[in-house]
Protein backbone atom coordinates (compact mmCIF):
# COMPACT_ATOMS: atom_id res chain seq x y z
CA UNK A 1 88.17 82.27 116.90
CA UNK A 2 90.27 85.18 115.71
CA UNK A 3 92.48 87.30 117.97
CA UNK A 4 94.27 90.52 117.06
CA UNK A 5 96.35 93.02 119.02
CA UNK A 6 95.90 96.73 118.41
CA UNK A 7 98.48 99.16 119.79
CA UNK A 8 97.18 102.70 120.23
CA UNK A 9 100.14 105.04 120.20
CA UNK A 10 99.74 108.35 122.00
CA UNK A 11 102.08 111.30 121.96
CA UNK A 12 103.39 112.17 125.44
CA UNK A 13 101.44 109.26 127.01
CA UNK A 14 102.03 105.54 127.33
CA UNK A 15 100.91 103.39 124.43
CA UNK A 16 97.84 101.25 125.12
CA UNK A 17 97.54 97.65 123.90
CA UNK A 18 94.10 96.23 123.14
CA UNK A 19 93.14 92.64 122.38
CA UNK A 20 90.38 92.10 119.84
CA UNK A 21 88.62 88.74 119.88
CA UNK A 22 85.93 87.43 117.56
CA UNK A 23 84.37 84.02 118.16
CA UNK A 24 82.60 83.52 114.82
CA UNK A 25 82.66 84.94 111.31
CA UNK A 26 79.64 87.18 111.78
CA UNK A 27 80.19 88.03 115.45
CA UNK A 28 81.20 91.48 116.68
CA UNK A 29 84.63 92.01 118.29
CA UNK A 30 85.21 91.84 122.04
CA UNK A 31 87.69 94.53 123.17
CA UNK A 32 90.00 93.89 126.12
CA UNK A 33 92.82 95.83 127.70
CA UNK A 34 94.86 93.48 129.86
CA UNK A 35 92.29 91.33 131.66
CA UNK A 36 89.60 94.01 131.59
CA UNK A 37 86.70 93.78 129.11
CA UNK A 38 86.10 97.26 127.72
CA UNK A 39 83.27 96.61 125.31
CA UNK A 40 82.18 95.27 121.96
CA UNK A 41 82.71 96.89 118.55
CA UNK A 42 81.16 96.07 115.20
CA UNK A 43 80.99 97.49 111.71
CA UNK A 44 77.57 99.07 111.28
CA UNK A 45 76.63 100.43 107.85
CA UNK A 46 80.28 100.80 106.84
CA UNK A 47 81.68 102.41 109.98
CA UNK A 48 83.02 100.94 113.21
CA UNK A 49 80.99 101.61 116.35
CA UNK A 50 81.00 100.52 119.95
CA UNK A 51 77.79 98.58 120.54
CA UNK A 52 78.30 97.66 124.20
CA UNK A 53 80.47 98.47 127.20
CA UNK A 54 82.28 101.52 128.54
CA UNK A 55 83.58 104.42 126.56
CA UNK A 56 86.31 103.54 124.09
CA UNK A 57 87.62 106.70 122.40
CA UNK A 58 86.38 107.10 118.79
CA UNK A 59 89.99 107.38 117.50
CA UNK A 60 90.75 104.00 119.06
CA UNK A 61 87.63 102.39 117.57
CA UNK A 62 88.52 103.77 114.13
CA UNK A 63 92.07 102.43 114.44
CA UNK A 64 90.78 99.02 115.50
CA UNK A 65 88.39 98.96 112.55
CA UNK A 66 91.17 99.94 110.15
CA UNK A 67 93.33 97.11 111.53
CA UNK A 68 90.50 94.59 111.15
CA UNK A 69 89.68 95.75 107.60
CA UNK A 70 93.34 95.36 106.54
CA UNK A 71 93.42 91.71 107.58
CA UNK A 72 93.22 89.12 104.84
CA UNK A 73 90.26 87.34 106.49
CA UNK A 74 88.24 90.55 106.02
CA UNK A 75 88.63 90.77 102.24
CA UNK A 76 89.76 87.37 100.91
CA UNK A 77 86.37 85.56 101.19
CA UNK A 78 84.64 88.13 98.96
CA UNK A 79 87.54 88.08 96.52
CA UNK A 80 87.33 84.27 96.25
CA UNK A 81 83.56 84.42 95.69
CA UNK A 82 84.02 87.08 93.01
CA UNK A 83 86.92 85.32 91.25
CA UNK A 84 85.21 81.90 91.13
CA UNK A 85 81.53 82.91 91.22
CA UNK A 86 80.51 80.00 88.94
CA UNK A 87 81.84 77.54 91.52
CA UNK A 88 81.77 79.16 94.98
CA UNK A 89 78.60 79.59 97.00
CA UNK A 90 80.21 80.80 100.24
CA UNK A 91 83.52 81.17 102.07
CA UNK A 92 83.67 80.78 105.84
CA UNK A 93 86.67 81.90 107.87
CA UNK A 94 87.30 79.22 110.50
CA UNK A 95 90.39 81.04 111.76
CA UNK A 96 93.21 83.17 110.33
CA UNK A 97 94.88 80.15 108.72
CA UNK A 98 91.85 78.06 107.71
CA UNK A 99 88.96 78.82 105.36
CA UNK A 100 86.04 76.64 104.33
CA UNK A 101 84.86 77.00 100.73
CA UNK A 102 81.38 75.76 99.90
CA UNK A 103 80.81 75.14 96.20
CA UNK A 104 77.51 75.16 94.34
CA UNK A 105 75.89 71.74 94.18
CA UNK A 106 76.25 71.59 90.40
CA UNK A 107 79.84 72.92 90.27
CA UNK A 108 82.51 70.66 88.80
CA UNK A 109 84.83 70.04 91.72
CA UNK A 110 87.68 68.68 89.58
CA UNK A 111 87.77 71.77 87.35
CA UNK A 112 87.44 74.11 90.32
CA UNK A 113 90.27 72.35 92.19
CA UNK A 114 92.59 72.80 89.20
CA UNK A 115 91.75 76.49 88.78
CA UNK A 116 91.63 77.32 92.48
CA UNK A 117 94.91 75.57 93.33
CA UNK A 118 96.75 77.64 90.73
CA UNK A 119 94.90 80.91 91.28
CA UNK A 120 94.77 81.20 95.07
CA UNK A 121 98.49 81.92 95.27
CA UNK A 122 97.97 85.16 93.37
CA UNK A 123 95.06 86.29 95.56
CA UNK A 124 96.22 85.30 99.04
CA UNK A 125 99.21 87.43 99.94
CA UNK A 126 100.28 85.82 103.21
CA UNK A 127 103.63 84.84 104.62
CA UNK A 128 102.19 81.75 106.30
CA UNK A 129 100.34 78.71 105.02
CA UNK A 130 96.57 78.79 104.60
CA UNK A 131 94.39 75.70 104.43
CA UNK A 132 91.25 75.79 102.31
CA UNK A 133 88.70 73.05 102.99
CA UNK A 134 86.64 72.72 99.83
CA UNK A 135 83.28 70.96 99.85
CA UNK A 136 80.21 70.85 97.68
CA UNK A 137 76.90 72.13 98.98
CA UNK A 138 75.02 69.52 101.10
CA UNK A 139 77.92 67.04 101.06
CA UNK A 140 80.07 66.04 104.00
CA UNK A 141 83.24 65.01 102.15
CA UNK A 142 85.85 67.63 101.31
CA UNK A 143 89.38 68.05 100.06
CA UNK A 144 92.05 70.47 101.16
CA UNK A 145 94.09 72.95 99.17
CA UNK A 146 97.08 74.31 101.06
CA UNK A 147 98.58 77.59 99.98
CA UNK A 148 102.26 77.50 100.86
CA UNK A 149 103.90 80.48 102.54
CA UNK A 150 104.91 83.21 100.12
CA UNK A 151 108.55 83.05 101.21
CA UNK A 152 108.70 79.36 100.22
CA UNK A 153 107.21 79.94 96.79
CA UNK A 154 110.05 82.15 95.55
CA UNK A 155 113.05 80.16 96.80
């Protein structure tokens, strides 16, 4: 599950805080304000739309979508698949700090581990640690690659 907070700042009015919650990687986002469920938003054909619930102002939905799109979990899986396309079949975001990487059945896991361990530090620009669980397609065993926080890498 992923949770984000979006603060909508309004001139001459009180700022409004929204909680955005997504249960699974492909699920839409539940929008709450305090304890009240306002609706559900999702990206449909490249733009963010409210797909259920009461009226959330379009400016707020756009701001929420921009916040979501800026997050590393929104762009890092595709970047990993593009960078290591010979090895990686899919990348699943388990949560903000944990990703599962599924390699092609015929991929060499030893070679991928060497390349991925060195290369992920350049792609993942985060101040906290990220755990990558790497497994081959149709196999239950896996190994972990932990990307250390950026602040620790330059000390």
